[in-house]
C-alpha atoms as a PDB file:
ATOM      1  CA  MET A   1       8.284 -21.127  13.798  1.00  0.00           C
ATOM      2  CA  GLN A   2       8.777 -19.349  17.142  1.00  0.00           C
ATOM      3  CA  LEU A   3      11.230 -21.793  18.427  1.00  0.00           C
ATOM      4  CA  ILE A   4      13.225 -21.330  15.253  1.00  0.00           C
ATOM      5  CA  LYS A   5      13.294 -17.352  15.623  1.00  0.00           C
ATOM      6  CA  SER A   6      14.287 -17.670  19.232  1.00  0.00           C
ATOM      7  CA  ALA A   7      16.862 -20.157  18.346  1.00  0.00           C
ATOM      8  CA  LEU A   8      18.328 -17.957  15.422  1.00  0.00           C
ATOM      9  CA  LYS A   9      18.475 -14.833  17.724  1.00  0.00           C
ATOM     10  CA  SER A  10      19.838 -16.772  20.482  1.00  0.00           C
ATOM     11  CA  ILE A  11      22.726 -18.117  17.757  1.00  0.00           C
ATOM     12  CA  LEU A  12      23.318 -14.492  16.382  1.00  0.00           C
ATOM     13  CA  LEU A  13      23.641 -13.160  20.038  1.00  0.00           C
ATOM     14  CA  PHE A  14      26.286 -15.800  20.800  1.00  0.00           C
ATOM     15  CA  ILE A  15      28.180 -14.939  17.384  1.00  0.00           C
ATOM     16  CA  GLU A  16      27.918 -11.315  18.095  1.00  0.00           C
ATOM     17  CA  LEU A  17      29.277 -11.690  21.732  1.00  0.00           C
ATOM     18  CA  VAL A  18      32.361 -13.746  19.991  1.00  0.00           C
ATOM     19  CA  PHE A  19      32.982 -11.028  17.918  1.00  0.00           C
ATOM     20  CA  TYR A  20      32.587  -8.282  20.590  1.00  0.00           C
ATOM     21  CA  PHE A  21      35.404 -10.596  22.404  1.00  0.00           C
ATOM     22  CA  ALA A  22      37.544 -10.898  19.939  1.00  0.00           C
ATOM     23  CA  PHE A  23      37.637  -7.377  18.901  1.00  0.00           C
ATOM     24  CA  LEU A  24      38.389  -6.367  22.438  1.00  0.00           C
ATOM     25  CA  HIS A  25      40.803  -8.657  22.915  1.00  0.00           C
ATOM     26  CA  TRP A  26      42.671  -9.578  19.804  1.00  0.00           C
ATOM     27  CA  GLU A  27      46.454  -9.320  21.377  1.00  0.00           C
ATOM     28  CA  LYS A  28      45.531 -12.155  23.350  1.00  0.00           C
ATOM     29  CA  LEU A  29      43.627 -14.176  20.785  1.00  0.00           C
ATOM     30  CA  LEU A  30      46.652 -14.003  18.287  1.00  0.00           C
ATOM     31  CA  PHE A  31      49.252 -14.797  20.818  1.00  0.00           C
ATOM     32  CA  VAL A  32      47.656 -17.836  22.428  1.00  0.00           C
ATOM     33  CA  GLY A  33      46.375 -18.729  18.680  1.00  0.00           C
ATOM     34  CA  ILE A  34      49.950 -18.679  17.296  1.00  0.00           C
ATOM     35  CA  VAL A  35      51.393 -20.575  20.204  1.00  0.00           C
ATOM     36  CA  ALA A  36      48.507 -23.138  20.002  1.00  0.00           C
ATOM     37  CA  ILE A  37      48.546 -23.759  16.537  1.00  0.00           C
ATOM     38  CA  ASP A  38      52.297 -23.744  16.198  1.00  0.00           C
ATOM     39  CA  GLN A  39      52.647 -26.395  19.641  1.00  0.00           C
ATOM     40  CA  PHE A  40      50.089 -28.153  17.843  1.00  0.00           C
ATOM     41  CA  VAL A  41      51.632 -29.085  14.594  1.00  0.00           C
ATOM     42  CA  LYS A  42      55.093 -29.875  16.188  1.00  0.00           C
ATOM     43  CA  GLY A  43      53.031 -32.476  18.433  1.00  0.00           C
ATOM     44  CA  ILE A  44      51.764 -33.944  15.094  1.00  0.00           C
ATOM     45  CA  VAL A  45      55.468 -33.783  13.618  1.00  0.00           C
ATOM     46  CA  VAL A  46      57.083 -35.377  16.601  1.00  0.00           C
ATOM     47  CA  ALA A  47      54.006 -38.104  17.093  1.00  0.00           C
ATOM     48  CA  SER A  48      54.259 -39.017  13.274  1.00  0.00           C
ATOM     49  CA  MET A  49      58.015 -38.721  12.191  1.00  0.00           C
ATOM     50  CA  THR A  50      61.529 -39.311  13.282  1.00  0.00           C
ATOM     51  CA  PRO A  51      64.207 -36.963  13.415  1.00  0.00           C
ATOM     52  CA  GLY A  52      65.977 -36.355   9.992  1.00  0.00           C
ATOM     53  CA  GLU A  53      62.970 -38.254   8.178  1.00  0.00           C
ATOM     54  CA  SER A  54      61.690 -36.174   5.238  1.00  0.00           C
ATOM     55  CA  ILE A  55      58.410 -36.048   3.500  1.00  0.00           C
ATOM     56  CA  PRO A  56      58.503 -34.716   0.021  1.00  0.00           C
ATOM     57  CA  ILE A  57      55.326 -32.509  -0.656  1.00  0.00           C
ATOM     58  CA  LEU A  58      56.603 -30.762  -3.810  1.00  0.00           C
ATOM     59  CA  LYS A  59      59.651 -32.999  -4.916  1.00  0.00           C
ATOM     60  CA  HIS A  60      62.871 -30.964  -4.638  1.00  0.00           C
ATOM     61  CA  VAL A  61      60.935 -27.611  -3.618  1.00  0.00           C
ATOM     62  CA  PHE A  62      58.804 -28.280  -0.295  1.00  0.00           C
ATOM     63  CA  HIS A  63      59.670 -31.511   1.997  1.00  0.00           C
ATOM     64  CA  LEU A  64      58.141 -31.582   5.823  1.00  0.00           C
ATOM     65  CA  THR A  65      61.454 -32.559   7.213  1.00  0.00           C
ATOM     66  CA  TYR A  66      61.536 -33.290  11.063  1.00  0.00           C
ATOM     67  CA  VAL A  67      64.913 -31.484  12.494  1.00  0.00           C
ATOM     68  CA  LEU A  68      65.790 -30.953  16.355  1.00  0.00           C
ATOM     69  CA  ASN A  69      67.379 -27.522  15.742  1.00  0.00           C
ATOM     70  CA  PRO A  70      69.910 -27.069  18.853  1.00  0.00           C
ATOM     71  CA  GLY A  71      70.536 -23.257  18.172  1.00  0.00           C
ATOM     72  CA  ALA A  72      68.803 -20.176  17.019  1.00  0.00           C
ATOM     73  CA  ALA A  73      67.818 -19.315  13.560  1.00  0.00           C
ATOM     74  CA  PHE A  74      69.703 -21.006  10.928  1.00  0.00           C
ATOM     75  CA  GLY A  75      71.424 -23.214  13.974  1.00  0.00           C
ATOM     76  CA  ILE A  76      73.708 -20.548  14.749  1.00  0.00           C
ATOM     77  CA  LEU A  77      74.686 -20.683  18.414  1.00  0.00           C
ATOM     78  CA  PRO A  78      74.414 -24.259  18.589  1.00  0.00           C
ATOM     79  CA  HIS A  79      73.596 -26.018  22.533  1.00  0.00           C
ATOM     80  CA  GLN A  80      73.647 -22.576  24.059  1.00  0.00           C
ATOM     81  CA  ARG A  81      70.127 -23.848  25.980  1.00  0.00           C
ATOM     82  CA  GLU A  82      70.653 -21.563  29.208  1.00  0.00           C
ATOM     83  CA  LEU A  83      71.438 -18.623  26.957  1.00  0.00           C
ATOM     84  CA  PHE A  84      68.201 -19.158  24.940  1.00  0.00           C
ATOM     85  CA  LEU A  85      66.068 -19.656  28.122  1.00  0.00           C
ATOM     86  CA  LEU A  86      67.351 -16.709  29.954  1.00  0.00           C
ATOM     87  CA  ALA A  87      66.855 -14.636  26.810  1.00  0.00           C
ATOM     88  CA  GLY A  88      63.318 -15.533  26.338  1.00  0.00           C
ATOM     89  CA  VAL A  89      62.080 -15.424  29.999  1.00  0.00           C
ATOM     90  CA  ALA A  90      63.938 -12.104  29.884  1.00  0.00           C
ATOM     91  CA  ILE A  91      62.090 -10.777  26.959  1.00  0.00           C
ATOM     92  CA  LEU A  92      58.671 -12.240  28.654  1.00  0.00           C
ATOM     93  CA  ILE A  93      59.463 -10.518  31.535  1.00  0.00           C
ATOM     94  CA  GLY A  94      60.217  -7.152  29.949  1.00  0.00           C
ATOM     95  CA  THR A  95      57.318  -7.585  27.860  1.00  0.00           C
ATOM     96  CA  ALA A  96      55.008  -7.983  31.042  1.00  0.00           C
ATOM     97  CA  PHE A  97      56.627  -4.936  32.860  1.00  0.00           C
ATOM     98  CA  PHE A  98      55.987  -2.567  29.738  1.00  0.00           C
ATOM     99  CA  TYR A  99      52.466  -3.965  28.812  1.00  0.00           C
ATOM    100  CA  SER A 100      50.653  -0.917  29.849  1.00  0.00           C
ATOM    101  CA  GLN A 101      52.987   1.312  27.660  1.00  0.00           C
ATOM    102  CA  ILE A 102      52.883  -1.400  24.739  1.00  0.00           C
ATOM    103  CA  LYS A 103      48.963  -1.252  24.911  1.00  0.00           C
ATOM    104  CA  LYS A 104      49.087   2.214  23.763  1.00  0.00           C
ATOM    105  CA  SER A 105      51.124   2.187  20.682  1.00  0.00           C
ATOM    106  CA  ASP A 106      49.471   1.827  17.341  1.00  0.00           C
ATOM    107  CA  SER A 107      48.100  -1.897  16.312  1.00  0.00           C
ATOM    108  CA  VAL A 108      50.739  -2.222  13.765  1.00  0.00           C
ATOM    109  CA  LEU A 109      53.693  -2.218  16.214  1.00  0.00           C
ATOM    110  CA  ARG A 110      51.321  -4.422  18.872  1.00  0.00           C
ATOM    111  CA  PHE A 111      50.755  -7.113  16.073  1.00  0.00           C
ATOM    112  CA  GLY A 112      54.282  -7.041  15.443  1.00  0.00           C
ATOM    113  CA  LEU A 113      55.402  -7.307  18.874  1.00  0.00           C
ATOM    114  CA  ILE A 114      52.912  -9.734  19.657  1.00  0.00           C
ATOM    115  CA  SER A 115      53.729 -12.112  16.642  1.00  0.00           C
ATOM    116  CA  LEU A 116      57.271 -11.957  17.818  1.00  0.00           C
ATOM    117  CA  LEU A 117      56.509 -12.635  21.496  1.00  0.00           C
ATOM    118  CA  SER A 118      54.370 -15.811  20.406  1.00  0.00           C
ATOM    119  CA  GLY A 119      56.800 -17.381  18.060  1.00  0.00           C
ATOM    120  CA  ALA A 120      59.574 -16.575  20.886  1.00  0.00           C
ATOM    121  CA  THR A 121      57.161 -18.162  23.422  1.00  0.00           C
ATOM    122  CA  ALA A 122      56.368 -21.228  21.296  1.00  0.00           C
ATOM    123  CA  ASN A 123      60.070 -22.081  20.740  1.00  0.00           C
ATOM    124  CA  LEU A 124      60.865 -21.350  24.397  1.00  0.00           C
ATOM    125  CA  ILE A 125      58.467 -23.939  25.378  1.00  0.00           C
ATOM    126  CA  ASP A 126      60.280 -26.547  22.837  1.00  0.00           C
ATOM    127  CA  ARG A 127      63.641 -25.658  24.823  1.00  0.00           C
ATOM    128  CA  PHE A 128      62.088 -25.945  28.079  1.00  0.00           C
ATOM    129  CA  GLN A 129      60.781 -29.111  27.217  1.00  0.00           C
ATOM    130  CA  ASN A 130      64.021 -30.983  25.432  1.00  0.00           C
ATOM    131  CA  GLY A 131      66.635 -28.060  24.938  1.00  0.00           C
ATOM    132  CA  LEU A 132      65.685 -27.994  21.157  1.00  0.00           C
ATOM    133  CA  VAL A 133      63.328 -26.741  19.008  1.00  0.00           C
ATOM    134  CA  VAL A 134      61.145 -28.760  16.414  1.00  0.00           C
ATOM    135  CA  ASP A 135      61.350 -27.349  12.625  1.00  0.00           C
ATOM    136  CA  PHE A 136      59.713 -28.640   9.621  1.00  0.00           C
ATOM    137  CA  PHE A 137      59.303 -26.397   6.818  1.00  0.00           C
ATOM    138  CA  ASP A 138      61.710 -27.361   4.504  1.00  0.00           C
ATOM    139  CA  PHE A 139      62.138 -25.213   1.088  1.00  0.00           C
ATOM    140  CA  ARG A 140      65.516 -27.059   0.468  1.00  0.00           C
ATOM    141  CA  ILE A 141      67.020 -23.598  -0.629  1.00  0.00           C
ATOM    142  CA  TRP A 142      66.372 -22.544   2.904  1.00  0.00           C
ATOM    143  CA  PRO A 143      67.208 -23.913   6.339  1.00  0.00           C
ATOM    144  CA  VAL A 144      64.488 -25.781   8.039  1.00  0.00           C
ATOM    145  CA  PHE A 145      61.994 -23.641   9.928  1.00  0.00           C
ATOM    146  CA  ASN A 146      58.150 -23.773  11.796  1.00  0.00           C
ATOM    147  CA  ILE A 147      55.297 -21.747  12.584  1.00  0.00           C
ATOM    148  CA  ALA A 148      56.658 -19.623  15.631  1.00  0.00           C
ATOM    149  CA  ASP A 149      59.976 -18.608  13.208  1.00  0.00           C
ATOM    150  CA  ILE A 150      57.059 -17.375  10.716  1.00  0.00           C
ATOM    151  CA  ALA A 151      55.533 -15.471  13.198  1.00  0.00           C
ATOM    152  CA  ILE A 152      58.936 -14.060  14.700  1.00  0.00           C
ATOM    153  CA  VAL A 153      59.587 -12.792  10.974  1.00  0.00           C
ATOM    154  CA  VAL A 154      56.503 -11.443  10.185  1.00  0.00           C
ATOM    155  CA  GLY A 155      56.496  -9.520  13.680  1.00  0.00           C
ATOM    156  CA  VAL A 156      59.479  -8.182  13.203  1.00  0.00           C
ATOM    157  CA  GLY A 157      58.406  -7.278   9.755  1.00  0.00           C
ATOM    158  CA  PHE A 158      55.548  -5.145  11.285  1.00  0.00           C
ATOM    159  CA  MET A 159      57.464  -3.643  13.910  1.00  0.00           C
ATOM    160  CA  ILE A 160      59.928  -2.460  11.335  1.00  0.00           C
ATOM    161  CA  TYR A 161      57.144  -1.135   9.067  1.00  0.00           C
ATOM    162  CA  SER A 162      55.617   0.752  11.896  1.00  0.00           C
ATOM    163  CA  ILE A 163      58.940   2.418  13.184  1.00  0.00           C
ATOM    164  CA  LEU A 164      59.741   3.518   9.663  1.00  0.00           C
ATOM    165  CA  PHE A 165      56.622   4.811   8.700  1.00  0.00           C
ATOM    166  CA  ASN A 166      55.371   5.948  12.155  1.00  0.00           C
ATOM    167  CA  PHE A 167      51.796   5.413  12.063  1.00  0.00           C
ATOM    168  CA  GLY A 168      49.592   6.235  14.927  1.00  0.00           C
ATOM    169  CA  GLU A 169      46.478   4.827  16.029  1.00  0.00           C
ATOM    170  CA  SER A 170      44.639   6.500  13.331  1.00  0.00           C
ATOM    171  CA  GLY A 171      46.069   5.668  10.547  1.00  0.00           C
ATOM    172  CA  ILE A 172      47.648   9.010   9.636  1.00  0.00           C
ATOM    173  CA  LYS A 173      51.123   9.184   9.412  1.00  0.00           C
ATOM    174  CA  LYS A 174      52.678  11.114  12.436  1.00  0.00           C
ATOM    175  CA  PRO A 175      55.456  13.722  11.830  1.00  0.00           C
ATOM    176  CA  ILE A 176      58.796  12.552  12.899  1.00  0.00           C
ATOM    177  CA  ARG A 177      60.346  14.423  16.295  1.00  0.00           C
ATOM    178  CA  ASP A 178      63.639  15.618  16.092  1.00  0.00           C
END
């Protein structure tokens, strides 16, 4: 019985340490998690499908379609690999440079920025690998997209929300200064 109690205490201590680390470093976990999940799913798509192949999940509504996108969102500016690589690297360097100030911003803005950066980084990895971004979610009424694109859109949404409503770390709306 004593052995079971000791084992349970050890397990609970481990869980407590994991949550403590996650709470202190949620930004890093979010960033790494989004990039890892995006790259993992893209790897599955690349390994199991051929470009152009489409698998219906809900016929005429949602398909998994393997697309190699040479451009930005919606395929704009196709075949501008150097521009996208340069812009992506500049964004990452700029973020690293301003990271100490970003850490002081409210958590809604930080969540948005980290989501945006993780999505941009995941797509940047694709561009470094082969110059194209792997897309696969196909709702038939919208251009094909991926998990990184979702992170970018959600991130921008949270950033706009934070800027428009100007919430501070306390969650209390701050007065907008002139």
